[in-house]
Amino acid sequence: LYPKIIVNKTLEYYKKNNIPINSCEGFIRQIIGWREFIRGVYRCKGTEERTKNFWGFNRKIPESFYSGTTGIEPLDDTIHKINKSGYANHIERLMIVGNFMLLCEFDPDEVYRWFMELFIDSYDWVMVPNVYGMSQFADGGLMSSKPYISSSNYIIKMSNYKKGEWCKIWDGLFWNFMDKQRAFFLKNPRMRMLISSFDKMDSSKKETHLVTADNFLNSL
């Protein structure tokens, strides 16, 4: 499915329907820009990407990540939607599913298999760069300068979800990841300040985060 075919069909539809020009332009940019970039990365660096495991993670993905019974509300809702339709928005893929899976320290090969099994658009050339590169940072920075991880605060700001028990687990995993990988993050200008924030926390708060993360990871 070549870019020209998609772009021509898009423009035809745009001319016949009441579509905002910014929506049309944004979609076309994704097709001729990001989609082709991903294809280029796959063709030139695909083998290198899929054989890397920068963090050295080897945890297997449990059944709860297939059935949507993890207890993490945004993640479970997204998994249920994927099971129903075989599809999710790219932000849901990256910042909910991919984000949480990275914080859970899953083997990137497991994450790749999960995405290939569940998505209707799971072509190899799509999933290798997006999983090993963008989502799990398993390539060590071939595609991006930092891993796409966040605390629960980002999820709340970008959605209609409210604070709940799931936030405690998500935040525990986030700070646990930051603490374990501090040697990497201290060298990254975009994220080193987060290490400083963690170190300035009250000792009991830090301990709560780390114990919460440890308990959740041991339950997987």
C-alpha atoms as a PDB file:
ATOM      1  CA  LEU A   1       0.000   0.000   0.000  1.00  0.00           C
ATOM      2  CA  TYR A   2       2.055   2.906  -1.321  1.00  0.00           C
ATOM      3  CA  PRO A   3       1.915   6.460   0.099  1.00  0.00           C
ATOM      4  CA  LYS A   4       0.725   7.915  -3.201  1.00  0.00           C
ATOM      5  CA  ILE A   5      -2.362   5.690  -3.204  1.00  0.00           C
ATOM      6  CA  ILE A   6      -3.312   6.726   0.326  1.00  0.00           C
ATOM      7  CA  VAL A   7      -2.623  10.421  -0.251  1.00  0.00           C
ATOM      8  CA  ASN A   8      -4.679  10.526  -3.462  1.00  0.00           C
ATOM      9  CA  LYS A   9      -7.627   8.760  -1.801  1.00  0.00           C
ATOM     10  CA  THR A  10      -7.357  11.106   1.175  1.00  0.00           C
ATOM     11  CA  LEU A  11      -7.428  14.221  -1.004  1.00  0.00           C
ATOM     12  CA  GLU A  12     -10.411  12.889  -2.949  1.00  0.00           C
ATOM     13  CA  TYR A  13     -12.300  12.299   0.290  1.00  0.00           C
ATOM     14  CA  TYR A  14     -11.252  15.690   1.652  1.00  0.00           C
ATOM     15  CA  LYS A  15     -12.624  17.509  -1.397  1.00  0.00           C
ATOM     16  CA  LYS A  16     -15.990  15.765  -1.167  1.00  0.00           C
ATOM     17  CA  ASN A  17     -16.506  15.996   2.584  1.00  0.00           C
ATOM     18  CA  ASN A  18     -16.448  18.617   5.288  1.00  0.00           C
ATOM     19  CA  ILE A  19     -13.037  17.727   6.741  1.00  0.00           C
ATOM     20  CA  PRO A  20     -10.925  20.353   8.589  1.00  0.00           C
ATOM     21  CA  ILE A  21      -7.788  21.094   6.613  1.00  0.00           C
ATOM     22  CA  ASN A  22      -5.606  20.587   9.691  1.00  0.00           C
ATOM     23  CA  SER A  23      -6.988  17.050  10.084  1.00  0.00           C
ATOM     24  CA  CYS A  24      -6.265  16.252   6.447  1.00  0.00           C
ATOM     25  CA  GLU A  25      -2.790  17.779   6.638  1.00  0.00           C
ATOM     26  CA  GLY A  26      -1.963  15.954   9.870  1.00  0.00           C
ATOM     27  CA  PHE A  27      -2.987  12.601   8.426  1.00  0.00           C
ATOM     28  CA  ILE A  28      -1.031  13.109   5.204  1.00  0.00           C
ATOM     29  CA  ARG A  29       2.067  14.096   7.173  1.00  0.00           C
ATOM     30  CA  GLN A  30       1.846  10.820   9.070  1.00  0.00           C
ATOM     31  CA  ILE A  31       1.647   8.897   5.798  1.00  0.00           C
ATOM     32  CA  ILE A  32       4.451  10.596   3.869  1.00  0.00           C
ATOM     33  CA  GLY A  33       6.561  11.315   6.938  1.00  0.00           C
ATOM     34  CA  TRP A  34       6.395   8.968   9.902  1.00  0.00           C
ATOM     35  CA  ARG A  35       5.135   5.896   8.013  1.00  0.00           C
ATOM     36  CA  GLU A  36       7.954   6.139   5.473  1.00  0.00           C
ATOM     37  CA  PHE A  37      10.508   6.806   8.205  1.00  0.00           C
ATOM     38  CA  ILE A  38       9.438   3.626  10.008  1.00  0.00           C
ATOM     39  CA  ARG A  39       9.675   1.678   6.765  1.00  0.00           C
ATOM     40  CA  GLY A  40      13.163   3.083   6.171  1.00  0.00           C
ATOM     41  CA  VAL A  41      14.325   2.150   9.676  1.00  0.00           C
ATOM     42  CA  TYR A  42      13.018  -1.381   9.180  1.00  0.00           C
ATOM     43  CA  ARG A  43      14.746  -1.828   5.828  1.00  0.00           C
ATOM     44  CA  CYS A  44      18.076  -0.393   6.983  1.00  0.00           C
ATOM     45  CA  LYS A  45      18.212  -1.332  10.680  1.00  0.00           C
ATOM     46  CA  GLY A  46      15.468  -3.904  11.222  1.00  0.00           C
ATOM     47  CA  THR A  47      17.751  -6.863  11.939  1.00  0.00           C
ATOM     48  CA  GLU A  48      19.882  -4.795  14.296  1.00  0.00           C
ATOM     49  CA  GLU A  49      16.832  -3.543  16.182  1.00  0.00           C
ATOM     50  CA  ARG A  50      15.102  -6.871  16.689  1.00  0.00           C
ATOM     51  CA  THR A  51      18.232  -8.523  18.071  1.00  0.00           C
ATOM     52  CA  LYS A  52      18.914  -5.925  20.771  1.00  0.00           C
ATOM     53  CA  ASN A  53      17.843  -5.908  24.409  1.00  0.00           C
ATOM     54  CA  PHE A  54      19.385  -2.714  25.794  1.00  0.00           C
ATOM     55  CA  TRP A  55      17.948  -3.079  29.300  1.00  0.00           C
ATOM     56  CA  GLY A  56      18.568  -6.819  29.491  1.00  0.00           C
ATOM     57  CA  PHE A  57      14.988  -7.596  30.538  1.00  0.00           C
ATOM     58  CA  ASN A  58      13.682 -11.178  30.401  1.00  0.00           C
ATOM     59  CA  ARG A  59      10.343 -11.119  32.250  1.00  0.00           C
ATOM     60  CA  LYS A  60       7.504 -12.944  30.481  1.00  0.00           C
ATOM     61  CA  ILE A  61       4.135 -11.306  29.823  1.00  0.00           C
ATOM     62  CA  PRO A  62       1.423 -12.935  31.987  1.00  0.00           C
ATOM     63  CA  GLU A  63      -2.110 -13.889  30.961  1.00  0.00           C
ATOM     64  CA  SER A  64      -3.548 -10.790  32.667  1.00  0.00           C
ATOM     65  CA  PHE A  65      -2.037  -8.644  29.900  1.00  0.00           C
ATOM     66  CA  TYR A  66      -4.060 -10.616  27.349  1.00  0.00           C
ATOM     67  CA  SER A  67      -7.329 -10.732  29.271  1.00  0.00           C
ATOM     68  CA  GLY A  68      -7.190  -7.147  30.567  1.00  0.00           C
ATOM     69  CA  THR A  69      -7.186  -8.127  34.233  1.00  0.00           C
ATOM     70  CA  THR A  70      -4.039  -6.365  35.432  1.00  0.00           C
ATOM     71  CA  GLY A  71      -5.929  -4.076  37.809  1.00  0.00           C
ATOM     72  CA  ILE A  72      -4.535  -1.012  36.037  1.00  0.00           C
ATOM     73  CA  GLU A  73      -7.664   0.739  34.756  1.00  0.00           C
ATOM     74  CA  PRO A  74      -6.316   2.569  31.662  1.00  0.00           C
ATOM     75  CA  LEU A  75      -4.325  -0.485  30.601  1.00  0.00           C
ATOM     76  CA  ASP A  76      -7.191  -2.935  31.095  1.00  0.00           C
ATOM     77  CA  ASP A  77      -9.605  -0.687  29.190  1.00  0.00           C
ATOM     78  CA  THR A  78      -7.138  -0.447  26.310  1.00  0.00           C
ATOM     79  CA  ILE A  79      -6.571  -4.208  26.241  1.00  0.00           C
ATOM     80  CA  HIS A  80     -10.342  -4.836  26.180  1.00  0.00           C
ATOM     81  CA  LYS A  81     -10.673  -2.453  23.252  1.00  0.00           C
ATOM     82  CA  ILE A  82      -7.823  -4.140  21.395  1.00  0.00           C
ATOM     83  CA  ASN A  83      -9.337  -7.580  21.996  1.00  0.00           C
ATOM     84  CA  LYS A  84     -12.628  -6.314  20.567  1.00  0.00           C
ATOM     85  CA  SER A  85     -11.330  -4.397  17.540  1.00  0.00           C
ATOM     86  CA  GLY A  86      -7.678  -5.324  16.978  1.00  0.00           C
ATOM     87  CA  TYR A  87      -6.819  -1.640  17.054  1.00  0.00           C
ATOM     88  CA  ALA A  88      -5.765   1.224  19.333  1.00  0.00           C
ATOM     89  CA  ASN A  89      -4.657   4.816  18.800  1.00  0.00           C
ATOM     90  CA  HIS A  90      -0.885   5.297  18.582  1.00  0.00           C
ATOM     91  CA  ILE A  91      -0.824   7.225  21.873  1.00  0.00           C
ATOM     92  CA  GLU A  92      -2.604   4.336  23.599  1.00  0.00           C
ATOM     93  CA  ARG A  93      -0.076   1.938  22.108  1.00  0.00           C
ATOM     94  CA  LEU A  94       2.954   3.999  23.094  1.00  0.00           C
ATOM     95  CA  MET A  95       2.020   5.764  26.332  1.00  0.00           C
ATOM     96  CA  ILE A  96      -0.361   3.279  27.929  1.00  0.00           C
ATOM     97  CA  VAL A  97       0.558  -0.219  26.741  1.00  0.00           C
ATOM     98  CA  GLY A  98       4.199   0.271  25.736  1.00  0.00           C
ATOM     99  CA  ASN A  99       4.926   2.599  28.632  1.00  0.00           C
ATOM    100  CA  PHE A 100       3.540   0.207  31.241  1.00  0.00           C
ATOM    101  CA  MET A 101       5.167  -2.854  29.675  1.00  0.00           C
ATOM    102  CA  LEU A 102       8.565  -1.169  29.780  1.00  0.00           C
ATOM    103  CA  LEU A 103       8.053  -0.239  33.434  1.00  0.00           C
ATOM    104  CA  CYS A 104       7.239  -3.929  34.052  1.00  0.00           C
ATOM    105  CA  GLU A 105      10.619  -4.886  32.600  1.00  0.00           C
ATOM    106  CA  PHE A 106       9.224  -7.316  30.028  1.00  0.00           C
ATOM    107  CA  ASP A 107      11.471  -9.037  27.507  1.00  0.00           C
ATOM    108  CA  PRO A 108      11.183  -6.919  24.314  1.00  0.00           C
ATOM    109  CA  ASP A 109      10.677 -10.105  22.278  1.00  0.00           C
ATOM    110  CA  GLU A 110       7.625 -10.811  24.443  1.00  0.00           C
ATOM    111  CA  VAL A 111       6.294  -7.300  23.836  1.00  0.00           C
ATOM    112  CA  TYR A 112       6.852  -7.678  20.086  1.00  0.00           C
ATOM    113  CA  ARG A 113       4.968 -11.001  20.107  1.00  0.00           C
ATOM    114  CA  TRP A 114       2.095  -9.450  22.088  1.00  0.00           C
ATOM    115  CA  PHE A 115       1.648  -6.628  19.574  1.00  0.00           C
ATOM    116  CA  MET A 116       1.951  -8.999  16.604  1.00  0.00           C
ATOM    117  CA  GLU A 117      -0.726 -11.280  18.041  1.00  0.00           C
ATOM    118  CA  LEU A 118      -3.297  -8.659  18.985  1.00  0.00           C
ATOM    119  CA  PHE A 119      -3.262  -5.953  16.300  1.00  0.00           C
ATOM    120  CA  ILE A 120      -4.933  -5.941  12.907  1.00  0.00           C
ATOM    121  CA  ASP A 121      -2.070  -3.880  11.421  1.00  0.00           C
ATOM    122  CA  SER A 122       0.725  -5.997  12.913  1.00  0.00           C
ATOM    123  CA  TYR A 123       3.024  -6.174   9.915  1.00  0.00           C
ATOM    124  CA  ASP A 124       6.647  -6.953  10.736  1.00  0.00           C
ATOM    125  CA  TRP A 125       7.944  -3.734   9.180  1.00  0.00           C
ATOM    126  CA  VAL A 126       5.558  -1.732  11.363  1.00  0.00           C
ATOM    127  CA  MET A 127       6.099  -3.500  14.675  1.00  0.00           C
ATOM    128  CA  VAL A 128       9.875  -3.986  14.734  1.00  0.00           C
ATOM    129  CA  PRO A 129      10.794  -0.255  14.783  1.00  0.00           C
ATOM    130  CA  ASN A 130       7.774   0.764  16.859  1.00  0.00           C
ATOM    131  CA  VAL A 131       8.232  -1.913  19.534  1.00  0.00           C
ATOM    132  CA  TYR A 132      11.994  -2.380  19.795  1.00  0.00           C
ATOM    133  CA  GLY A 133      12.699   1.275  19.060  1.00  0.00           C
ATOM    134  CA  MET A 134       9.947   3.659  20.106  1.00  0.00           C
ATOM    135  CA  SER A 135       8.056   1.644  22.706  1.00  0.00           C
ATOM    136  CA  GLN A 136      10.685  -0.385  24.587  1.00  0.00           C
ATOM    137  CA  PHE A 137      13.913   1.500  23.780  1.00  0.00           C
ATOM    138  CA  ALA A 138      15.446  -1.959  23.343  1.00  0.00           C
ATOM    139  CA  ASP A 139      17.685  -0.586  20.583  1.00  0.00           C
ATOM    140  CA  GLY A 140      19.401   1.728  23.059  1.00  0.00           C
ATOM    141  CA  GLY A 141      18.482   4.919  21.251  1.00  0.00           C
ATOM    142  CA  LEU A 142      18.676   4.160  17.543  1.00  0.00           C
ATOM    143  CA  MET A 143      15.350   5.920  16.969  1.00  0.00           C
ATOM    144  CA  SER A 144      14.904   8.207  19.967  1.00  0.00           C
ATOM    145  CA  SER A 145      16.999   9.997  22.571  1.00  0.00           C
ATOM    146  CA  LYS A 146      15.028   8.720  25.566  1.00  0.00           C
ATOM    147  CA  PRO A 147      12.522   6.002  26.481  1.00  0.00           C
ATOM    148  CA  TYR A 148       8.840   6.957  26.367  1.00  0.00           C
ATOM    149  CA  ILE A 149       7.907   6.407  30.000  1.00  0.00           C
ATOM    150  CA  SER A 150       5.815   8.459  32.390  1.00  0.00           C
ATOM    151  CA  SER A 151       4.129   8.463  35.760  1.00  0.00           C
ATOM    152  CA  SER A 152       0.348   8.212  36.110  1.00  0.00           C
ATOM    153  CA  ASN A 153       0.124  12.010  36.050  1.00  0.00           C
ATOM    154  CA  TYR A 154       0.695  12.091  32.283  1.00  0.00           C
ATOM    155  CA  ILE A 155      -2.070   9.536  31.710  1.00  0.00           C
ATOM    156  CA  ILE A 156      -4.502  11.562  33.822  1.00  0.00           C
ATOM    157  CA  LYS A 157      -3.644  14.802  32.004  1.00  0.00           C
ATOM    158  CA  MET A 158      -4.093  13.215  28.584  1.00  0.00           C
ATOM    159  CA  SER A 159      -7.336  11.373  29.336  1.00  0.00           C
ATOM    160  CA  ASN A 160     -10.539  11.308  31.366  1.00  0.00           C
ATOM    161  CA  TYR A 161      -9.178   8.867  33.937  1.00  0.00           C
ATOM    162  CA  LYS A 162      -9.280   9.828  37.583  1.00  0.00           C
ATOM    163  CA  LYS A 163      -6.749   9.178  40.304  1.00  0.00           C
ATOM    164  CA  GLY A 164      -7.124   5.772  41.910  1.00  0.00           C
ATOM    165  CA  GLU A 165      -5.284   2.785  43.327  1.00  0.00           C
ATOM    166  CA  TRP A 166      -3.862   2.094  39.876  1.00  0.00           C
ATOM    167  CA  CYS A 167      -1.880   5.341  40.129  1.00  0.00           C
ATOM    168  CA  LYS A 168       0.039   4.047  43.139  1.00  0.00           C
ATOM    169  CA  ILE A 169       1.198   0.992  41.207  1.00  0.00           C
ATOM    170  CA  TRP A 170       1.998   2.957  38.052  1.00  0.00           C
ATOM    171  CA  ASP A 171       3.970   5.574  39.980  1.00  0.00           C
ATOM    172  CA  GLY A 172       5.757   2.914  42.000  1.00  0.00           C
ATOM    173  CA  LEU A 173       6.868   1.188  38.812  1.00  0.00           C
ATOM    174  CA  PHE A 174       7.935   4.496  37.267  1.00  0.00           C
ATOM    175  CA  TRP A 175      10.167   5.545  40.160  1.00  0.00           C
ATOM    176  CA  ASN A 176      11.450   2.011  40.548  1.00  0.00           C
ATOM    177  CA  PHE A 177      12.512   2.041  36.901  1.00  0.00           C
ATOM    178  CA  MET A 178      14.135   5.452  37.238  1.00  0.00           C
ATOM    179  CA  ASP A 179      16.029   4.350  40.333  1.00  0.00           C
ATOM    180  CA  LYS A 180      17.235   1.061  38.845  1.00  0.00           C
ATOM    181  CA  GLN A 181      18.355   2.732  35.618  1.00  0.00           C
ATOM    182  CA  ARG A 182      19.735   5.897  37.234  1.00  0.00           C
ATOM    183  CA  ALA A 183      23.158   5.458  35.602  1.00  0.00           C
ATOM    184  CA  PHE A 184      21.489   5.825  32.206  1.00  0.00           C
ATOM    185  CA  PHE A 185      19.171   8.678  33.153  1.00  0.00           C
ATOM    186  CA  LEU A 186      21.889  10.734  34.832  1.00  0.00           C
ATOM    187  CA  LYS A 187      23.610  10.894  31.433  1.00  0.00           C
ATOM    188  CA  ASN A 188      20.414  12.026  29.691  1.00  0.00           C
ATOM    189  CA  PRO A 189      19.890  15.828  29.808  1.00  0.00           C
ATOM    190  CA  ARG A 190      16.154  15.420  29.220  1.00  0.00           C
ATOM    191  CA  MET A 191      15.551  13.110  32.172  1.00  0.00           C
ATOM    192  CA  ARG A 192      18.305  13.526  34.746  1.00  0.00           C
ATOM    193  CA  MET A 193      16.197  16.022  36.706  1.00  0.00           C
ATOM    194  CA  LEU A 194      13.775  13.193  37.515  1.00  0.00           C
ATOM    195  CA  ILE A 195      16.522  11.346  39.360  1.00  0.00           C
ATOM    196  CA  SER A 196      17.089  14.485  41.388  1.00  0.00           C
ATOM    197  CA  SER A 197      13.354  14.654  42.148  1.00  0.00           C
ATOM    198  CA  PHE A 198      13.366  11.063  43.359  1.00  0.00           C
ATOM    199  CA  ASP A 199      16.426  11.583  45.541  1.00  0.00           C
ATOM    200  CA  LYS A 200      14.775  14.597  47.182  1.00  0.00           C
ATOM    201  CA  MET A 201      11.685  12.624  48.169  1.00  0.00           C
ATOM    202  CA  ASP A 202      11.036  11.768  51.791  1.00  0.00           C
ATOM    203  CA  SER A 203      12.642   8.395  52.563  1.00  0.00           C
ATOM    204  CA  SER A 204       9.311   6.818  53.520  1.00  0.00           C
ATOM    205  CA  LYS A 205       7.727   7.959  50.244  1.00  0.00           C
ATOM    206  CA  LYS A 206      10.605   6.497  48.242  1.00  0.00           C
ATOM    207  CA  GLU A 207      10.324   3.245  50.151  1.00  0.00           C
ATOM    208  CA  THR A 208       6.582   3.096  49.493  1.00  0.00           C
ATOM    209  CA  HIS A 209       7.152   3.517  45.739  1.00  0.00           C
ATOM    210  CA  LEU A 210       9.815   0.814  45.615  1.00  0.00           C
ATOM    211  CA  VAL A 211       7.900  -1.680  47.763  1.00  0.00           C
ATOM    212  CA  THR A 212       4.722  -1.121  45.716  1.00  0.00           C
ATOM    213  CA  ALA A 213       6.648  -1.761  42.507  1.00  0.00           C
ATOM    214  CA  ASP A 214       8.362  -4.839  43.906  1.00  0.00           C
ATOM    215  CA  ASN A 215       5.074  -6.330  45.085  1.00  0.00           C
ATOM    216  CA  PHE A 216       3.411  -5.779  41.706  1.00  0.00           C
ATOM    217  CA  LEU A 217       6.335  -7.179  39.713  1.00  0.00           C
ATOM    218  CA  ASN A 218       6.486 -10.247  41.954  1.00  0.00           C
ATOM    219  CA  SER A 219       2.772 -10.816  41.326  1.00  0.00           C
ATOM    220  CA  LEU A 220       3.193 -11.054  37.559  1.00  0.00           C
END
